Amino acid sequence: MPPKKQHGAEAGEDPNKLVRGAGGTYRSADDRFEVRKGGAGWSVIDMAATDELGQPLLRGPYPTLDAVREALPEARRAALKSLGDG
């Protein structure tokens, strides 16, 4: 029996790749970002960073999924910078 696939990006897989989930949401391959469609466009929820209220950091809105894909690498870098600045 083959081993069960674990959540998260496998070795060599792009962590920013979007995978479709339930209810029309998307998640990054490493499960860090969740992407949802709303009235104003697409929102990105960063599960590894929090806002000033301690809630998962919300980014966006972005007009298209392509715009989200382009923004994910920078969102990943920005969160690392803010953690290092502290």
N, C-alpha and C. Protein backbone atom coordinates (compact mmCIF):
# COMPACT_ATOMS: atom_id res chain seq x y z
N MET A 1 0.85 -1.18 0.00
CA MET A 1 0.00 0.00 0.00
C MET A 1 0.90 1.24 0.00
N PRO A 2 0.66 2.21 -0.92
CA PRO A 2 1.51 3.41 -0.96
C PRO A 2 1.26 4.29 0.26
N PRO A 3 2.29 5.04 0.69
CA PRO A 3 2.11 5.92 1.84
C PRO A 3 1.13 7.03 1.53
N LYS A 4 0.45 7.51 2.57
CA LYS A 4 -0.49 8.62 2.40
C LYS A 4 0.27 9.89 2.09
N LYS A 5 -0.29 10.69 1.20
CA LYS A 5 0.32 11.98 0.88
C LYS A 5 0.10 12.94 2.04
N GLN A 6 1.15 13.58 2.49
CA GLN A 6 1.04 14.53 3.57
C GLN A 6 0.70 15.90 3.00
N HIS A 7 0.05 16.71 3.83
CA HIS A 7 -0.24 18.08 3.42
C HIS A 7 1.05 18.86 3.37
N GLY A 8 1.09 19.89 2.56
CA GLY A 8 2.28 20.72 2.44
C GLY A 8 3.02 20.41 1.17
N ALA A 9 3.96 21.27 0.84
CA ALA A 9 4.72 21.12 -0.39
C ALA A 9 5.71 19.98 -0.25
N GLU A 10 5.76 19.14 -1.26
CA GLU A 10 6.74 18.07 -1.30
C GLU A 10 8.06 18.65 -1.78
N ALA A 11 9.12 17.90 -1.58
CA ALA A 11 10.44 18.35 -2.02
C ALA A 11 10.40 18.68 -3.51
N GLY A 12 10.87 19.84 -3.88
CA GLY A 12 10.92 20.25 -5.27
C GLY A 12 9.64 20.87 -5.80
N GLU A 13 8.55 20.82 -5.05
CA GLU A 13 7.29 21.41 -5.48
C GLU A 13 7.27 22.89 -5.13
N ASP A 14 6.73 23.69 -6.02
CA ASP A 14 6.62 25.13 -5.80
C ASP A 14 5.64 25.39 -4.66
N PRO A 15 6.08 25.99 -3.54
CA PRO A 15 5.17 26.22 -2.41
C PRO A 15 4.08 27.23 -2.74
N ASN A 16 4.27 28.05 -3.80
CA ASN A 16 3.28 29.05 -4.18
C ASN A 16 2.23 28.51 -5.16
N LYS A 17 2.36 27.27 -5.58
CA LYS A 17 1.39 26.67 -6.49
C LYS A 17 0.04 26.63 -5.79
N LEU A 18 -1.02 27.04 -6.48
CA LEU A 18 -2.37 27.04 -5.90
C LEU A 18 -3.07 25.73 -6.21
N VAL A 19 -3.66 25.14 -5.18
CA VAL A 19 -4.38 23.89 -5.28
C VAL A 19 -5.83 24.16 -4.90
N ARG A 20 -6.75 23.74 -5.76
CA ARG A 20 -8.17 23.99 -5.49
C ARG A 20 -8.66 23.15 -4.33
N GLY A 21 -9.41 23.80 -3.45
CA GLY A 21 -9.97 23.11 -2.29
C GLY A 21 -11.48 23.12 -2.33
N ALA A 22 -12.07 22.83 -1.21
CA ALA A 22 -13.53 22.78 -1.09
C ALA A 22 -14.14 24.18 -1.19
N GLY A 23 -15.32 24.24 -1.75
CA GLY A 23 -16.07 25.49 -1.79
C GLY A 23 -15.45 26.58 -2.65
N GLY A 24 -14.64 26.21 -3.63
CA GLY A 24 -14.06 27.21 -4.52
C GLY A 24 -12.88 27.96 -3.94
N THR A 25 -12.38 27.53 -2.79
CA THR A 25 -11.18 28.17 -2.23
C THR A 25 -9.95 27.50 -2.81
N TYR A 26 -8.82 28.15 -2.65
CA TYR A 26 -7.54 27.61 -3.08
C TYR A 26 -6.58 27.69 -1.90
N ARG A 27 -5.57 26.83 -1.90
CA ARG A 27 -4.51 26.87 -0.89
C ARG A 27 -3.19 26.76 -1.61
N SER A 28 -2.17 27.38 -1.02
CA SER A 28 -0.83 27.20 -1.57
C SER A 28 -0.40 25.77 -1.29
N ALA A 29 0.52 25.26 -2.07
CA ALA A 29 0.95 23.86 -1.94
C ALA A 29 1.50 23.56 -0.55
N ASP A 30 2.06 24.56 0.13
CA ASP A 30 2.57 24.33 1.48
C ASP A 30 1.55 24.65 2.57
N ASP A 31 0.31 24.92 2.19
CA ASP A 31 -0.81 25.23 3.10
C ASP A 31 -0.63 26.51 3.90
N ARG A 32 0.29 27.36 3.51
CA ARG A 32 0.48 28.61 4.23
C ARG A 32 -0.59 29.64 3.88
N PHE A 33 -0.94 29.73 2.60
CA PHE A 33 -1.89 30.74 2.14
C PHE A 33 -3.21 30.09 1.73
N GLU A 34 -4.31 30.74 2.10
CA GLU A 34 -5.63 30.34 1.63
C GLU A 34 -6.16 31.49 0.78
N VAL A 35 -6.75 31.18 -0.35
CA VAL A 35 -7.24 32.19 -1.29
C VAL A 35 -8.74 32.01 -1.43
N ARG A 36 -9.47 33.11 -1.23
CA ARG A 36 -10.94 33.08 -1.32
C ARG A 36 -11.44 34.19 -2.23
N LYS A 37 -12.53 33.90 -2.93
CA LYS A 37 -13.19 34.89 -3.79
C LYS A 37 -14.22 35.63 -2.97
N GLY A 38 -14.20 36.96 -3.08
CA GLY A 38 -15.18 37.79 -2.39
C GLY A 38 -15.79 38.79 -3.35
N GLY A 39 -16.59 39.67 -2.85
CA GLY A 39 -17.26 40.66 -3.68
C GLY A 39 -16.31 41.63 -4.36
N ALA A 40 -15.18 41.92 -3.72
CA ALA A 40 -14.23 42.89 -4.27
C ALA A 40 -13.08 42.23 -5.02
N GLY A 41 -13.05 40.91 -5.09
CA GLY A 41 -11.97 40.21 -5.77
C GLY A 41 -11.48 39.05 -4.92
N TRP A 42 -10.23 38.65 -5.13
CA TRP A 42 -9.62 37.53 -4.42
C TRP A 42 -8.83 38.03 -3.22
N SER A 43 -9.00 37.36 -2.09
CA SER A 43 -8.26 37.70 -0.88
C SER A 43 -7.33 36.55 -0.53
N VAL A 44 -6.17 36.91 0.02
CA VAL A 44 -5.18 35.92 0.44
C VAL A 44 -5.07 35.99 1.96
N ILE A 45 -5.24 34.86 2.61
CA ILE A 45 -5.11 34.77 4.06
C ILE A 45 -3.80 34.07 4.36
N ASP A 46 -2.91 34.77 5.06
CA ASP A 46 -1.59 34.24 5.41
C ASP A 46 -1.71 33.58 6.78
N MET A 47 -1.67 32.25 6.82
CA MET A 47 -1.85 31.51 8.06
C MET A 47 -0.60 31.54 8.95
N ALA A 48 0.52 32.05 8.42
CA ALA A 48 1.77 32.08 9.20
C ALA A 48 2.06 33.46 9.77
N ALA A 49 1.23 34.44 9.47
CA ALA A 49 1.44 35.80 9.96
C ALA A 49 0.12 36.31 10.55
N THR A 50 0.23 37.22 11.51
CA THR A 50 -0.98 37.78 12.13
C THR A 50 -0.98 39.30 12.02
N ASP A 51 -2.17 39.86 12.09
CA ASP A 51 -2.30 41.31 12.10
C ASP A 51 -2.20 41.82 13.54
N GLU A 52 -2.45 43.10 13.75
CA GLU A 52 -2.32 43.70 15.08
C GLU A 52 -3.34 43.16 16.08
N LEU A 53 -4.39 42.50 15.61
CA LEU A 53 -5.40 41.91 16.49
C LEU A 53 -5.17 40.42 16.73
N GLY A 54 -4.10 39.89 16.18
CA GLY A 54 -3.79 38.48 16.35
C GLY A 54 -4.52 37.55 15.40
N GLN A 55 -5.19 38.12 14.40
CA GLN A 55 -5.90 37.32 13.40
C GLN A 55 -4.97 37.01 12.23
N PRO A 56 -5.23 35.91 11.48
CA PRO A 56 -4.42 35.64 10.29
C PRO A 56 -4.41 36.87 9.37
N LEU A 57 -3.25 37.18 8.83
CA LEU A 57 -3.07 38.38 8.00
C LEU A 57 -3.80 38.23 6.67
N LEU A 58 -4.61 39.23 6.35
CA LEU A 58 -5.40 39.24 5.11
C LEU A 58 -4.75 40.20 4.12
N ARG A 59 -4.54 39.73 2.90
CA ARG A 59 -3.97 40.56 1.83
C ARG A 59 -4.96 40.62 0.68
N GLY A 60 -4.93 41.75 -0.03
CA GLY A 60 -5.80 41.87 -1.19
C GLY A 60 -6.75 43.05 -1.01
N PRO A 61 -7.73 43.16 -1.84
CA PRO A 61 -8.17 42.20 -2.85
C PRO A 61 -7.34 42.27 -4.13
N TYR A 62 -7.30 41.15 -4.81
CA TYR A 62 -6.63 41.03 -6.10
C TYR A 62 -7.70 40.76 -7.15
N PRO A 63 -7.56 41.34 -8.35
CA PRO A 63 -8.62 41.21 -9.35
C PRO A 63 -8.76 39.81 -9.94
N THR A 64 -7.65 39.05 -10.03
CA THR A 64 -7.68 37.73 -10.67
C THR A 64 -6.81 36.75 -9.90
N LEU A 65 -6.98 35.47 -10.19
CA LEU A 65 -6.10 34.45 -9.60
C LEU A 65 -4.67 34.62 -10.10
N ASP A 66 -4.51 35.07 -11.33
CA ASP A 66 -3.16 35.32 -11.84
C ASP A 66 -2.46 36.41 -11.02
N ALA A 67 -3.20 37.43 -10.63
CA ALA A 67 -2.63 38.49 -9.78
C ALA A 67 -2.24 37.92 -8.42
N VAL A 68 -3.04 37.01 -7.89
CA VAL A 68 -2.71 36.35 -6.63
C VAL A 68 -1.41 35.57 -6.78
N ARG A 69 -1.31 34.80 -7.87
CA ARG A 69 -0.10 33.99 -8.11
C ARG A 69 1.15 34.87 -8.17
N GLU A 70 1.02 36.03 -8.78
CA GLU A 70 2.16 36.95 -8.87
C GLU A 70 2.50 37.56 -7.51
N ALA A 71 1.52 37.73 -6.64
CA ALA A 71 1.72 38.39 -5.35
C ALA A 71 2.25 37.45 -4.26
N LEU A 72 2.04 36.15 -4.39
CA LEU A 72 2.43 35.21 -3.33
C LEU A 72 3.92 35.24 -2.98
N PRO A 73 4.84 35.24 -3.95
CA PRO A 73 6.26 35.28 -3.56
C PRO A 73 6.61 36.53 -2.75
N GLU A 74 6.07 37.67 -3.11
CA GLU A 74 6.35 38.90 -2.36
C GLU A 74 5.71 38.85 -0.98
N ALA A 75 4.51 38.30 -0.87
CA ALA A 75 3.86 38.16 0.44
C ALA A 75 4.70 37.28 1.34
N ARG A 76 5.28 36.25 0.79
CA ARG A 76 6.14 35.35 1.57
C ARG A 76 7.39 36.09 2.05
N ARG A 77 8.01 36.90 1.17
CA ARG A 77 9.22 37.67 1.53
C ARG A 77 8.90 38.78 2.54
N ALA A 78 7.78 39.47 2.36
CA ALA A 78 7.41 40.57 3.27
C ALA A 78 7.21 40.07 4.69
N ALA A 79 6.60 38.92 4.84
CA ALA A 79 6.38 38.36 6.17
C ALA A 79 7.71 38.01 6.83
N LEU A 80 8.65 37.51 6.06
CA LEU A 80 9.97 37.17 6.61
C LEU A 80 10.71 38.43 7.05
N LYS A 81 10.61 39.51 6.27
CA LYS A 81 11.24 40.77 6.64
C LYS A 81 10.68 41.31 7.95
N SER A 82 9.34 41.29 8.08
CA SER A 82 8.76 41.85 9.29
C SER A 82 9.10 41.02 10.52
N LEU A 83 9.26 39.73 10.38
CA LEU A 83 9.66 38.89 11.49
C LEU A 83 11.12 39.17 11.88
N GLY A 84 11.96 39.42 10.89
CA GLY A 84 13.38 39.70 11.15
C GLY A 84 13.62 41.09 11.70
N ASP A 85 12.73 42.04 11.43
CA ASP A 85 12.91 43.41 11.89
C ASP A 85 12.63 43.56 13.38
N GLY A 86 11.78 42.68 13.93
CA GLY A 86 11.29 42.77 15.29
C GLY A 86 12.34 42.73 16.31
